[in-house]
Amino acid sequence: MYEEKVVVESYVLMNSMGLRPSATISVKIDGERFEENAQGDGQFDAFMNALAKVYVKIDRRLPKLIDYAVRIAPGSSSDALCETIITWKTDLKKFITRGLDSDQTVCAIKATQKMLNII
């Protein structure tokens, strides 16, 4: 049975007029829980900055995000499912993960969790 070694357990994403976007996250890695917060240029950037702080704590490197694409089916309404496709690069390989949700940022977080279980 496949078991994810890294699980994004919880997150709070904030975007307010006049303030930088921020994220507070809780991530379980190999059974150990880590919490961190950060700001960024957008909610996903804030999420990734918080995640990077966690990975510094455990002395691991995150791959570089080299492409980020969002697809929404033509003719969809505001509640449509969207797909985020992210291309990552490590020193050894380049690979793609996908996330699917009605919220664009949640899609990206789902794709990121998949990446965390590949590296």
PDB file of N, CA and C in Angstrom:
ATOM      1  N   MET A   1       0.836  -1.188   0.000  1.00  0.00           N
ATOM      2  CA  MET A   1       0.000   0.000   0.000  1.00  0.00           C
ATOM      3  C   MET A   1       0.880   1.251   0.000  1.00  0.00           C
ATOM      4  N   TYR A   2       0.526   2.224  -0.827  1.00  0.00           N
ATOM      5  CA  TYR A   2       1.270   3.474  -0.941  1.00  0.00           C
ATOM      6  C   TYR A   2       0.919   4.391   0.227  1.00  0.00           C
ATOM      7  N   GLU A   3       1.946   4.904   0.885  1.00  0.00           N
ATOM      8  CA  GLU A   3       1.728   5.842   1.979  1.00  0.00           C
ATOM      9  C   GLU A   3       2.543   7.100   1.719  1.00  0.00           C
ATOM     10  N   GLU A   4       1.893   8.245   1.796  1.00  0.00           N
ATOM     11  CA  GLU A   4       2.598   9.504   1.586  1.00  0.00           C
ATOM     12  C   GLU A   4       3.468   9.803   2.797  1.00  0.00           C
ATOM     13  N   LYS A   5       4.731  10.102   2.559  1.00  0.00           N
ATOM     14  CA  LYS A   5       5.655  10.438   3.643  1.00  0.00           C
ATOM     15  C   LYS A   5       5.540  11.907   4.027  1.00  0.00           C
ATOM     16  N   VAL A   6       5.007  12.719   3.123  1.00  0.00           N
ATOM     17  CA  VAL A   6       4.817  14.145   3.385  1.00  0.00           C
ATOM     18  C   VAL A   6       3.354  14.483   3.142  1.00  0.00           C
ATOM     19  N   VAL A   7       2.721  15.079   4.156  1.00  0.00           N
ATOM     20  CA  VAL A   7       1.313  15.458   4.053  1.00  0.00           C
ATOM     21  C   VAL A   7       1.162  16.909   4.494  1.00  0.00           C
ATOM     22  N   VAL A   8       0.566  17.721   3.640  1.00  0.00           N
ATOM     23  CA  VAL A   8       0.201  19.081   4.023  1.00  0.00           C
ATOM     24  C   VAL A   8      -1.094  18.929   4.817  1.00  0.00           C
ATOM     25  N   GLU A   9      -0.990  19.038   6.140  1.00  0.00           N
ATOM     26  CA  GLU A   9      -2.135  18.771   7.004  1.00  0.00           C
ATOM     27  C   GLU A   9      -3.104  19.942   7.073  1.00  0.00           C
ATOM     28  N   SER A  10      -2.572  21.157   7.102  1.00  0.00           N
ATOM     29  CA  SER A  10      -3.428  22.317   7.286  1.00  0.00           C
ATOM     30  C   SER A  10      -2.722  23.559   6.768  1.00  0.00           C
ATOM     31  N   TYR A  11      -3.504  24.519   6.345  1.00  0.00           N
ATOM     32  CA  TYR A  11      -2.930  25.798   5.931  1.00  0.00           C
ATOM     33  C   TYR A  11      -3.977  26.888   6.040  1.00  0.00           C
ATOM     34  N   VAL A  12      -3.493  28.093   6.294  1.00  0.00           N
ATOM     35  CA  VAL A  12      -4.323  29.290   6.280  1.00  0.00           C
ATOM     36  C   VAL A  12      -3.652  30.241   5.304  1.00  0.00           C
ATOM     37  N   LEU A  13      -4.390  30.642   4.294  1.00  0.00           N
ATOM     38  CA  LEU A  13      -3.873  31.570   3.297  1.00  0.00           C
ATOM     39  C   LEU A  13      -4.615  32.891   3.460  1.00  0.00           C
ATOM     40  N   MET A  14      -3.876  33.999   3.474  1.00  0.00           N
ATOM     41  CA  MET A  14      -4.508  35.283   3.661  1.00  0.00           C
ATOM     42  C   MET A  14      -4.091  36.255   2.576  1.00  0.00           C
ATOM     43  N   ASN A  15      -5.066  36.946   2.057  1.00  0.00           N
ATOM     44  CA  ASN A  15      -4.833  37.980   1.063  1.00  0.00           C
ATOM     45  C   ASN A  15      -5.717  39.154   1.436  1.00  0.00           C
ATOM     46  N   SER A  16      -5.108  40.267   1.840  1.00  0.00           N
ATOM     47  CA  SER A  16      -5.860  41.430   2.296  1.00  0.00           C
ATOM     48  C   SER A  16      -5.402  42.666   1.547  1.00  0.00           C
ATOM     49  N   MET A  17      -6.325  43.582   1.325  1.00  0.00           N
ATOM     50  CA  MET A  17      -6.001  44.847   0.665  1.00  0.00           C
ATOM     51  C   MET A  17      -4.984  45.604   1.520  1.00  0.00           C
ATOM     52  N   GLY A  18      -3.868  45.970   0.935  1.00  0.00           N
ATOM     53  CA  GLY A  18      -2.873  46.766   1.627  1.00  0.00           C
ATOM     54  C   GLY A  18      -1.838  45.972   2.414  1.00  0.00           C
ATOM     55  N   LEU A  19      -1.982  44.649   2.494  1.00  0.00           N
ATOM     56  CA  LEU A  19      -1.024  43.805   3.202  1.00  0.00           C
ATOM     57  C   LEU A  19      -0.479  42.749   2.249  1.00  0.00           C
ATOM     58  N   ARG A  20       0.740  42.293   2.509  1.00  0.00           N
ATOM     59  CA  ARG A  20       1.302  41.221   1.687  1.00  0.00           C
ATOM     60  C   ARG A  20       0.574  39.915   1.981  1.00  0.00           C
ATOM     61  N   PRO A  21       0.345  39.090   0.974  1.00  0.00           N
ATOM     62  CA  PRO A  21      -0.253  37.774   1.209  1.00  0.00           C
ATOM     63  C   PRO A  21       0.598  36.956   2.169  1.00  0.00           C
ATOM     64  N   SER A  22      -0.055  36.122   2.983  1.00  0.00           N
ATOM     65  CA  SER A  22       0.664  35.309   3.954  1.00  0.00           C
ATOM     66  C   SER A  22       0.076  33.910   4.009  1.00  0.00           C
ATOM     67  N   ALA A  23       0.871  32.994   4.539  1.00  0.00           N
ATOM     68  CA  ALA A  23       0.443  31.604   4.702  1.00  0.00           C
ATOM     69  C   ALA A  23       1.005  31.071   6.002  1.00  0.00           C
ATOM     70  N   THR A  24       0.190  30.315   6.708  1.00  0.00           N
ATOM     71  CA  THR A  24       0.621  29.539   7.857  1.00  0.00           C
ATOM     72  C   THR A  24       0.315  28.092   7.510  1.00  0.00           C
ATOM     73  N   ILE A  25       1.301  27.225   7.658  1.00  0.00           N
ATOM     74  CA  ILE A  25       1.129  25.839   7.234  1.00  0.00           C
ATOM     75  C   ILE A  25       1.502  24.866   8.346  1.00  0.00           C
ATOM     76  N   SER A  26       0.917  23.680   8.267  1.00  0.00           N
ATOM     77  CA  SER A  26       1.293  22.552   9.111  1.00  0.00           C
ATOM     78  C   SER A  26       1.553  21.386   8.165  1.00  0.00           C
ATOM     79  N   VAL A  27       2.767  20.862   8.228  1.00  0.00           N
ATOM     80  CA  VAL A  27       3.187  19.782   7.336  1.00  0.00           C
ATOM     81  C   VAL A  27       3.731  18.634   8.176  1.00  0.00           C
ATOM     82  N   LYS A  28       3.311  17.411   7.847  1.00  0.00           N
ATOM     83  CA  LYS A  28       3.845  16.228   8.530  1.00  0.00           C
ATOM     84  C   LYS A  28       4.826  15.543   7.582  1.00  0.00           C
ATOM     85  N   ILE A  29       6.069  15.387   8.066  1.00  0.00           N
ATOM     86  CA  ILE A  29       7.123  14.757   7.271  1.00  0.00           C
ATOM     87  C   ILE A  29       7.644  13.576   8.060  1.00  0.00           C
ATOM     88  N   ASP A  30       7.498  12.385   7.497  1.00  0.00           N
ATOM     89  CA  ASP A  30       7.924  11.152   8.166  1.00  0.00           C
ATOM     90  C   ASP A  30       7.405  11.082   9.601  1.00  0.00           C
ATOM     91  N   GLY A  31       6.153  11.472   9.788  1.00  0.00           N
ATOM     92  CA  GLY A  31       5.503  11.385  11.094  1.00  0.00           C
ATOM     93  C   GLY A  31       5.742  12.554  12.024  1.00  0.00           C
ATOM     94  N   GLU A  32       6.619  13.476  11.655  1.00  0.00           N
ATOM     95  CA  GLU A  32       6.902  14.636  12.505  1.00  0.00           C
ATOM     96  C   GLU A  32       6.208  15.879  11.935  1.00  0.00           C
ATOM     97  N   ARG A  33       5.518  16.626  12.807  1.00  0.00           N
ATOM     98  CA  ARG A  33       4.756  17.798  12.381  1.00  0.00           C
ATOM     99  C   ARG A  33       5.609  19.067  12.497  1.00  0.00           C
ATOM    100  N   PHE A  34       5.512  19.900  11.468  1.00  0.00           N
ATOM    101  CA  PHE A  34       6.205  21.185  11.430  1.00  0.00           C
ATOM    102  C   PHE A  34       5.189  22.276  11.106  1.00  0.00           C
ATOM    103  N   GLU A  35       5.312  23.413  11.772  1.00  0.00           N
ATOM    104  CA  GLU A  35       4.469  24.568  11.478  1.00  0.00           C
ATOM    105  C   GLU A  35       5.373  25.740  11.142  1.00  0.00           C
ATOM    106  N   GLU A  36       4.929  26.527  10.169  1.00  0.00           N
ATOM    107  CA  GLU A  36       5.719  27.684   9.765  1.00  0.00           C
ATOM    108  C   GLU A  36       4.792  28.699   9.113  1.00  0.00           C
ATOM    109  N   ASN A  37       5.233  29.953   9.068  1.00  0.00           N
ATOM    110  CA  ASN A  37       4.467  30.977   8.350  1.00  0.00           C
ATOM    111  C   ASN A  37       5.419  31.861   7.566  1.00  0.00           C
ATOM    112  N   ALA A  38       4.879  32.496   6.546  1.00  0.00           N
ATOM    113  CA  ALA A  38       5.693  33.363   5.692  1.00  0.00           C
ATOM    114  C   ALA A  38       4.775  34.267   4.884  1.00  0.00           C
ATOM    115  N   GLN A  39       5.375  35.288   4.300  1.00  0.00           N
ATOM    116  CA  GLN A  39       4.681  36.171   3.369  1.00  0.00           C
ATOM    117  C   GLN A  39       5.244  35.919   1.975  1.00  0.00           C
ATOM    118  N   GLY A  40       4.514  36.412   0.965  1.00  0.00           N
ATOM    119  CA  GLY A  40       4.983  36.234  -0.402  1.00  0.00           C
ATOM    120  C   GLY A  40       4.310  37.209  -1.344  1.00  0.00           C
ATOM    121  N   ASP A  41       4.609  37.063  -2.620  1.00  0.00           N
ATOM    122  CA  ASP A  41       4.022  37.937  -3.638  1.00  0.00           C
ATOM    123  C   ASP A  41       2.598  37.535  -3.980  1.00  0.00           C
ATOM    124  N   GLY A  42       2.182  36.369  -3.566  1.00  0.00           N
ATOM    125  CA  GLY A  42       0.822  35.858  -3.739  1.00  0.00           C
ATOM    126  C   GLY A  42       0.637  34.750  -2.715  1.00  0.00           C
ATOM    127  N   GLN A  43      -0.560  34.195  -2.646  1.00  0.00           N
ATOM    128  CA  GLN A  43      -0.827  33.167  -1.645  1.00  0.00           C
ATOM    129  C   GLN A  43       0.026  31.918  -1.859  1.00  0.00           C
ATOM    130  N   PHE A  44       0.188  31.487  -3.104  1.00  0.00           N
ATOM    131  CA  PHE A  44       1.003  30.298  -3.351  1.00  0.00           C
ATOM    132  C   PHE A  44       2.472  30.588  -3.062  1.00  0.00           C
ATOM    133  N   ASP A  45       2.948  31.772  -3.409  1.00  0.00           N
ATOM    134  CA  ASP A  45       4.329  32.143  -3.101  1.00  0.00           C
ATOM    135  C   ASP A  45       4.538  32.152  -1.587  1.00  0.00           C
ATOM    136  N   ALA A  46       3.583  32.666  -0.833  1.00  0.00           N
ATOM    137  CA  ALA A  46       3.674  32.658   0.635  1.00  0.00           C
ATOM    138  C   ALA A  46       3.705  31.219   1.150  1.00  0.00           C
ATOM    139  N   PHE A  47       2.864  30.347   0.576  1.00  0.00           N
ATOM    140  CA  PHE A  47       2.862  28.925   0.949  1.00  0.00           C
ATOM    141  C   PHE A  47       4.235  28.308   0.701  1.00  0.00           C
ATOM    142  N   MET A  48       4.794  28.552  -0.482  1.00  0.00           N
ATOM    143  CA  MET A  48       6.097  27.979  -0.827  1.00  0.00           C
ATOM    144  C   MET A  48       7.203  28.536   0.072  1.00  0.00           C
ATOM    145  N   ASN A  49       7.121  29.804   0.450  1.00  0.00           N
ATOM    146  CA  ASN A  49       8.116  30.393   1.349  1.00  0.00           C
ATOM    147  C   ASN A  49       8.039  29.751   2.729  1.00  0.00           C
ATOM    148  N   ALA A  50       6.829  29.480   3.220  1.00  0.00           N
ATOM    149  CA  ALA A  50       6.670  28.795   4.505  1.00  0.00           C
ATOM    150  C   ALA A  50       7.206  27.366   4.408  1.00  0.00           C
ATOM    151  N   LEU A  51       6.910  26.689   3.305  1.00  0.00           N
ATOM    152  CA  LEU A  51       7.399  25.329   3.094  1.00  0.00           C
ATOM    153  C   LEU A  51       8.932  25.304   3.038  1.00  0.00           C
ATOM    154  N   ALA A  52       9.517  26.291   2.392  1.00  0.00           N
ATOM    155  CA  ALA A  52      10.980  26.375   2.312  1.00  0.00           C
ATOM    156  C   ALA A  52      11.588  26.505   3.708  1.00  0.00           C
ATOM    157  N   LYS A  53      10.936  27.247   4.595  1.00  0.00           N
ATOM    158  CA  LYS A  53      11.426  27.367   5.975  1.00  0.00           C
ATOM    159  C   LYS A  53      11.421  26.008   6.677  1.00  0.00           C
ATOM    160  N   VAL A  54      10.373  25.211   6.439  1.00  0.00           N
ATOM    161  CA  VAL A  54      10.309  23.868   7.021  1.00  0.00           C
ATOM    162  C   VAL A  54      11.465  23.026   6.494  1.00  0.00           C
ATOM    163  N   TYR A  55      11.698  23.070   5.194  1.00  0.00           N
ATOM    164  CA  TYR A  55      12.743  22.234   4.595  1.00  0.00           C
ATOM    165  C   TYR A  55      14.146  22.668   5.016  1.00  0.00           C
ATOM    166  N   VAL A  56      14.338  23.945   5.325  1.00  0.00           N
ATOM    167  CA  VAL A  56      15.620  24.386   5.882  1.00  0.00           C
ATOM    168  C   VAL A  56      15.818  23.746   7.260  1.00  0.00           C
ATOM    169  N   LYS A  57      14.746  23.684   8.054  1.00  0.00           N
ATOM    170  CA  LYS A  57      14.827  23.081   9.396  1.00  0.00           C
ATOM    171  C   LYS A  57      15.273  21.625   9.343  1.00  0.00           C
ATOM    172  N   ILE A  58      14.841  20.897   8.310  1.00  0.00           N
ATOM    173  CA  ILE A  58      15.181  19.474   8.221  1.00  0.00           C
ATOM    174  C   ILE A  58      16.364  19.232   7.272  1.00  0.00           C
ATOM    175  N   ASP A  59      17.010  20.311   6.869  1.00  0.00           N
ATOM    176  CA  ASP A  59      18.217  20.248   6.038  1.00  0.00           C
ATOM    177  C   ASP A  59      17.983  19.527   4.711  1.00  0.00           C
ATOM    178  N   ARG A  60      16.879  19.870   4.066  1.00  0.00           N
ATOM    179  CA  ARG A  60      16.574  19.338   2.727  1.00  0.00           C
ATOM    180  C   ARG A  60      16.326  20.508   1.783  1.00  0.00           C
ATOM    181  N   ARG A  61      16.553  20.264   0.511  1.00  0.00           N
ATOM    182  CA  ARG A  61      16.322  21.295  -0.509  1.00  0.00           C
ATOM    183  C   ARG A  61      15.068  20.981  -1.307  1.00  0.00           C
ATOM    184  N   LEU A  62      14.300  22.016  -1.586  1.00  0.00           N
ATOM    185  CA  LEU A  62      13.141  21.876  -2.471  1.00  0.00           C
ATOM    186  C   LEU A  62      13.608  22.035  -3.911  1.00  0.00           C
ATOM    187  N   PRO A  63      12.941  21.362  -4.852  1.00  0.00           N
ATOM    188  CA  PRO A  63      13.291  21.576  -6.251  1.00  0.00           C
ATOM    189  C   PRO A  63      12.867  22.975  -6.691  1.00  0.00           C
ATOM    190  N   LYS A  64      13.421  23.408  -7.789  1.00  0.00           N
ATOM    191  CA  LYS A  64      13.081  24.714  -8.346  1.00  0.00           C
ATOM    192  C   LYS A  64      11.808  24.594  -9.184  1.00  0.00           C
ATOM    193  N   LEU A  65      10.877  25.511  -8.980  1.00  0.00           N
ATOM    194  CA  LEU A  65       9.671  25.566  -9.804  1.00  0.00           C
ATOM    195  C   LEU A  65      10.063  26.275 -11.104  1.00  0.00           C
ATOM    196  N   ILE A  66       9.907  25.574 -12.240  1.00  0.00           N
ATOM    197  CA  ILE A  66      10.338  26.192 -13.498  1.00  0.00           C
ATOM    198  C   ILE A  66       9.184  26.520 -14.442  1.00  0.00           C
ATOM    199  N   ASP A  67       7.987  25.968 -14.184  1.00  0.00           N
ATOM    200  CA  ASP A  67       6.826  26.330 -14.997  1.00  0.00           C
ATOM    201  C   ASP A  67       5.559  26.063 -14.191  1.00  0.00           C
ATOM    202  N   TYR A  68       4.577  26.939 -14.356  1.00  0.00           N
ATOM    203  CA  TYR A  68       3.322  26.858 -13.606  1.00  0.00           C
ATOM    204  C   TYR A  68       2.210  27.217 -14.580  1.00  0.00           C
ATOM    205  N   ALA A  69       1.306  26.290 -14.823  1.00  0.00           N
ATOM    206  CA  ALA A  69       0.209  26.542 -15.758  1.00  0.00           C
ATOM    207  C   ALA A  69      -1.114  26.149 -15.115  1.00  0.00           C
ATOM    208  N   VAL A  70      -2.143  26.918 -15.399  1.00  0.00           N
ATOM    209  CA  VAL A  70      -3.488  26.637 -14.889  1.00  0.00           C
ATOM    210  C   VAL A  70      -4.407  26.468 -16.087  1.00  0.00           C
ATOM    211  N   ARG A  71      -5.202  25.402 -16.053  1.00  0.00           N
ATOM    212  CA  ARG A  71      -6.180  25.150 -17.113  1.00  0.00           C
ATOM    213  C   ARG A  71      -7.575  25.120 -16.515  1.00  0.00           C
ATOM    214  N   ILE A  72      -8.478  25.794 -17.181  1.00  0.00           N
ATOM    215  CA  ILE A  72      -9.894  25.751 -16.823  1.00  0.00           C
ATOM    216  C   ILE A  72     -10.630  25.420 -18.114  1.00  0.00           C
ATOM    217  N   ALA A  73     -11.551  24.474 -18.038  1.00  0.00           N
ATOM    218  CA  ALA A  73     -12.277  24.043 -19.243  1.00  0.00           C
ATOM    219  C   ALA A  73     -13.011  25.222 -19.882  1.00  0.00           C
ATOM    220  N   PRO A  74     -12.940  25.331 -21.217  1.00  0.00           N
ATOM    221  CA  PRO A  74     -13.642  26.414 -21.904  1.00  0.00           C
ATOM    222  C   PRO A  74     -15.144  26.381 -21.597  1.00  0.00           C
ATOM    223  N   GLY A  75     -15.735  27.550 -21.451  1.00  0.00           N
ATOM    224  CA  GLY A  75     -17.171  27.650 -21.202  1.00  0.00           C
ATOM    225  C   GLY A  75     -17.563  27.366 -19.764  1.00  0.00           C
ATOM    226  N   SER A  76     -16.580  27.245 -18.859  1.00  0.00           N
ATOM    227  CA  SER A  76     -16.873  26.934 -17.464  1.00  0.00           C
ATOM    228  C   SER A  76     -17.386  28.166 -16.719  1.00  0.00           C
ATOM    229  N   SER A  77     -18.023  27.921 -15.588  1.00  0.00           N
ATOM    230  CA  SER A  77     -18.497  29.019 -14.750  1.00  0.00           C
ATOM    231  C   SER A  77     -17.489  29.250 -13.618  1.00  0.00           C
ATOM    232  N   SER A  78     -17.818  30.155 -12.705  1.00  0.00           N
ATOM    233  CA  SER A  78     -16.879  30.519 -11.640  1.00  0.00           C
ATOM    234  C   SER A  78     -16.624  29.388 -10.649  1.00  0.00           C
ATOM    235  N   ASP A  79     -17.466  28.354 -10.632  1.00  0.00           N
ATOM    236  CA  ASP A  79     -17.260  27.223  -9.716  1.00  0.00           C
ATOM    237  C   ASP A  79     -16.623  26.012 -10.404  1.00  0.00           C
ATOM    238  N   ALA A  80     -16.059  26.235 -11.574  1.00  0.00           N
ATOM    239  CA  ALA A  80     -15.488  25.139 -12.363  1.00  0.00           C
ATOM    240  C   ALA A  80     -14.230  24.578 -11.710  1.00  0.00           C
ATOM    241  N   LEU A  81     -13.976  23.305 -11.991  1.00  0.00           N
ATOM    242  CA  LEU A  81     -12.708  22.702 -11.574  1.00  0.00           C
ATOM    243  C   LEU A  81     -11.588  23.267 -12.438  1.00  0.00           C
ATOM    244  N   CYS A  82     -10.441  23.486 -11.817  1.00  0.00           N
ATOM    245  CA  CYS A  82      -9.275  23.891 -12.591  1.00  0.00           C
ATOM    246  C   CYS A  82      -8.149  22.907 -12.298  1.00  0.00           C
ATOM    247  N   GLU A  83      -7.187  22.885 -13.189  1.00  0.00           N
ATOM    248  CA  GLU A  83      -6.038  21.995 -13.050  1.00  0.00           C
ATOM    249  C   GLU A  83      -4.774  22.845 -13.062  1.00  0.00           C
ATOM    250  N   THR A  84      -3.919  22.615 -12.092  1.00  0.00           N
ATOM    251  CA  THR A  84      -2.626  23.280 -12.056  1.00  0.00           C
ATOM    252  C   THR A  84      -1.559  22.255 -12.424  1.00  0.00           C
ATOM    253  N   ILE A  85      -0.706  22.638 -13.349  1.00  0.00           N
ATOM    254  CA  ILE A  85       0.369  21.772 -13.816  1.00  0.00           C
ATOM    255  C   ILE A  85       1.684  22.490 -13.516  1.00  0.00           C
ATOM    256  N   ILE A  86       2.490  21.887 -12.645  1.00  0.00           N
ATOM    257  CA  ILE A  86       3.741  22.521 -12.227  1.00  0.00           C
ATOM    258  C   ILE A  86       4.917  21.643 -12.655  1.00  0.00           C
ATOM    259  N   THR A  87       5.907  22.282 -13.267  1.00  0.00           N
ATOM    260  CA  THR A  87       7.141  21.600 -13.649  1.00  0.00           C
ATOM    261  C   THR A  87       8.215  21.982 -12.644  1.00  0.00           C
ATOM    262  N   TRP A  88       8.889  20.961 -12.123  1.00  0.00           N
ATOM    263  CA  TRP A  88       9.919  21.129 -11.099  1.00  0.00           C
ATOM    264  C   TRP A  88      11.252  20.634 -11.649  1.00  0.00           C
ATOM    265  N   LYS A  89      12.338  21.150 -11.087  1.00  0.00           N
ATOM    266  CA  LYS A  89      13.666  20.708 -11.510  1.00  0.00           C
ATOM    267  C   LYS A  89      14.568  20.542 -10.293  1.00  0.00           C
ATOM    268  N   THR A  90      15.189  19.370 -10.195  1.00  0.00           N
ATOM    269  CA  THR A  90      16.230  19.112  -9.195  1.00  0.00           C
ATOM    270  C   THR A  90      17.554  19.036  -9.947  1.00  0.00           C
ATOM    271  N   ASP A  91      18.624  18.768  -9.218  1.00  0.00           N
ATOM    272  CA  ASP A  91      19.922  18.596  -9.870  1.00  0.00           C
ATOM    273  C   ASP A  91      19.924  17.381 -10.794  1.00  0.00           C
ATOM    274  N   LEU A  92      19.062  16.391 -10.495  1.00  0.00           N
ATOM    275  CA  LEU A  92      19.080  15.132 -11.236  1.00  0.00           C
ATOM    276  C   LEU A  92      17.977  14.955 -12.265  1.00  0.00           C
ATOM    277  N   LYS A  93      16.839  15.647 -12.077  1.00  0.00           N
ATOM    278  CA  LYS A  93      15.720  15.396 -12.981  1.00  0.00           C
ATOM    279  C   LYS A  93      14.767  16.573 -13.064  1.00  0.00           C
ATOM    280  N   LYS A  94      13.924  16.516 -14.082  1.00  0.00           N
ATOM    281  CA  LYS A  94      12.843  17.470 -14.277  1.00  0.00           C
ATOM    282  C   LYS A  94      11.561  16.651 -14.304  1.00  0.00           C
ATOM    283  N   PHE A  95      10.516  17.095 -13.600  1.00  0.00           N
ATOM    284  CA  PHE A  95       9.271  16.334 -13.568  1.00  0.00           C
ATOM    285  C   PHE A  95       8.072  17.261 -13.370  1.00  0.00           C
ATOM    286  N   ILE A  96       6.888  16.713 -13.630  1.00  0.00           N
ATOM    287  CA  ILE A  96       5.641  17.490 -13.595  1.00  0.00           C
ATOM    288  C   ILE A  96       4.691  16.876 -12.573  1.00  0.00           C
ATOM    289  N   THR A  97       4.000  17.748 -11.825  1.00  0.00           N
ATOM    290  CA  THR A  97       2.910  17.301 -10.954  1.00  0.00           C
ATOM    291  C   THR A  97       1.667  18.106 -11.284  1.00  0.00           C
ATOM    292  N   ARG A  98       0.515  17.508 -10.971  1.00  0.00           N
ATOM    293  CA  ARG A  98      -0.767  18.155 -11.258  1.00  0.00           C
ATOM    294  C   ARG A  98      -1.631  18.173  -9.999  1.00  0.00           C
ATOM    295  N   GLY A  99      -2.475  19.197  -9.918  1.00  0.00           N
ATOM    296  CA  GLY A  99      -3.464  19.284  -8.853  1.00  0.00           C
ATOM    297  C   GLY A  99      -4.799  19.671  -9.455  1.00  0.00           C
ATOM    298  N   LEU A 100      -5.889  19.189  -8.878  1.00  0.00           N
ATOM    299  CA  LEU A 100      -7.226  19.458  -9.382  1.00  0.00           C
ATOM    300  C   LEU A 100      -8.114  19.895  -8.224  1.00  0.00           C
ATOM    301  N   ASP A 101      -8.784  21.047  -8.385  1.00  0.00           N
ATOM    302  CA  ASP A 101      -9.683  21.565  -7.367  1.00  0.00           C
ATOM    303  C   ASP A 101     -10.466  22.724  -7.992  1.00  0.00           C
ATOM    304  N   SER A 102     -11.481  23.192  -7.286  1.00  0.00           N
ATOM    305  CA  SER A 102     -12.215  24.361  -7.776  1.00  0.00           C
ATOM    306  C   SER A 102     -11.491  25.658  -7.414  1.00  0.00           C
ATOM    307  N   ASP A 103     -10.513  25.580  -6.517  1.00  0.00           N
ATOM    308  CA  ASP A 103      -9.725  26.747  -6.125  1.00  0.00           C
ATOM    309  C   ASP A 103      -8.326  26.638  -6.719  1.00  0.00           C
ATOM    310  N   GLN A 104      -7.901  27.676  -7.405  1.00  0.00           N
ATOM    311  CA  GLN A 104      -6.623  27.645  -8.114  1.00  0.00           C
ATOM    312  C   GLN A 104      -5.434  27.451  -7.177  1.00  0.00           C
ATOM    313  N   THR A 105      -5.416  28.099  -6.015  1.00  0.00           N
ATOM    314  CA  THR A 105      -4.297  27.949  -5.090  1.00  0.00           C
ATOM    315  C   THR A 105      -4.277  26.559  -4.474  1.00  0.00           C
ATOM    316  N   VAL A 106      -5.448  26.016  -4.158  1.00  0.00           N
ATOM    317  CA  VAL A 106      -5.530  24.657  -3.610  1.00  0.00           C
ATOM    318  C   VAL A 106      -5.010  23.658  -4.638  1.00  0.00           C
ATOM    319  N   CYS A 107      -5.311  23.878  -5.909  1.00  0.00           N
ATOM    320  CA  CYS A 107      -4.750  23.029  -6.980  1.00  0.00           C
ATOM    321  C   CYS A 107      -3.232  22.999  -6.902  1.00  0.00           C
ATOM    322  N   ALA A 108      -2.638  24.167  -6.758  1.00  0.00           N
ATOM    323  CA  ALA A 108      -1.182  24.267  -6.719  1.00  0.00           C
ATOM    324  C   ALA A 108      -0.621  23.576  -5.475  1.00  0.00           C
ATOM    325  N   ILE A 109      -1.305  23.700  -4.348  1.00  0.00           N
ATOM    326  CA  ILE A 109      -0.853  23.043  -3.122  1.00  0.00           C
ATOM    327  C   ILE A 109      -0.931  21.526  -3.284  1.00  0.00           C
ATOM    328  N   LYS A 110      -1.986  21.025  -3.917  1.00  0.00           N
ATOM    329  CA  LYS A 110      -2.103  19.582  -4.164  1.00  0.00           C
ATOM    330  C   LYS A 110      -0.979  19.094  -5.074  1.00  0.00           C
ATOM    331  N   ALA A 111      -0.663  19.863  -6.107  1.00  0.00           N
ATOM    332  CA  ALA A 111       0.445  19.497  -6.997  1.00  0.00           C
ATOM    333  C   ALA A 111       1.772  19.529  -6.246  1.00  0.00           C
ATOM    334  N   THR A 112       1.911  20.480  -5.329  1.00  0.00           N
ATOM    335  CA  THR A 112       3.141  20.586  -4.534  1.00  0.00           C
ATOM    336  C   THR A 112       3.300  19.406  -3.588  1.00  0.00           C
ATOM    337  N   GLN A 113       2.203  18.971  -2.959  1.00  0.00           N
ATOM    338  CA  GLN A 113       2.282  17.812  -2.064  1.00  0.00           C
ATOM    339  C   GLN A 113       2.743  16.582  -2.853  1.00  0.00           C
ATOM    340  N   LYS A 114       2.271  16.438  -4.080  1.00  0.00           N
ATOM    341  CA  LYS A 114       2.728  15.317  -4.906  1.00  0.00           C
ATOM    342  C   LYS A 114       4.229  15.413  -5.145  1.00  0.00           C
ATOM    343  N   MET A 115       4.706  16.638  -5.422  1.00  0.00           N
ATOM    344  CA  MET A 115       6.139  16.832  -5.621  1.00  0.00           C
ATOM    345  C   MET A 115       6.926  16.432  -4.381  1.00  0.00           C
ATOM    346  N   LEU A 116       6.429  16.809  -3.199  1.00  0.00           N
ATOM    347  CA  LEU A 116       7.127  16.507  -1.948  1.00  0.00           C
ATOM    348  C   LEU A 116       7.282  15.014  -1.719  1.00  0.00           C
ATOM    349  N   ASN A 117       6.363  14.226  -2.270  1.00  0.00           N
ATOM    350  CA  ASN A 117       6.435  12.774  -2.127  1.00  0.00           C
ATOM    351  C   ASN A 117       7.221  12.102  -3.239  1.00  0.00           C
ATOM    352  N   ILE A 118       7.641  12.876  -4.232  1.00  0.00           N
ATOM    353  CA  ILE A 118       8.484  12.347  -5.315  1.00  0.00           C
ATOM    354  C   ILE A 118       9.960  12.565  -5.004  1.00  0.00           C
ATOM    355  N   ILE A 119      10.271  13.728  -4.441  1.00  0.00           N
ATOM    356  CA  ILE A 119      11.699  14.065  -4.216  1.00  0.00           C
ATOM    357  C   ILE A 119      12.317  13.219  -3.121  1.00  0.00           C
TER     358      ILE A 119
END
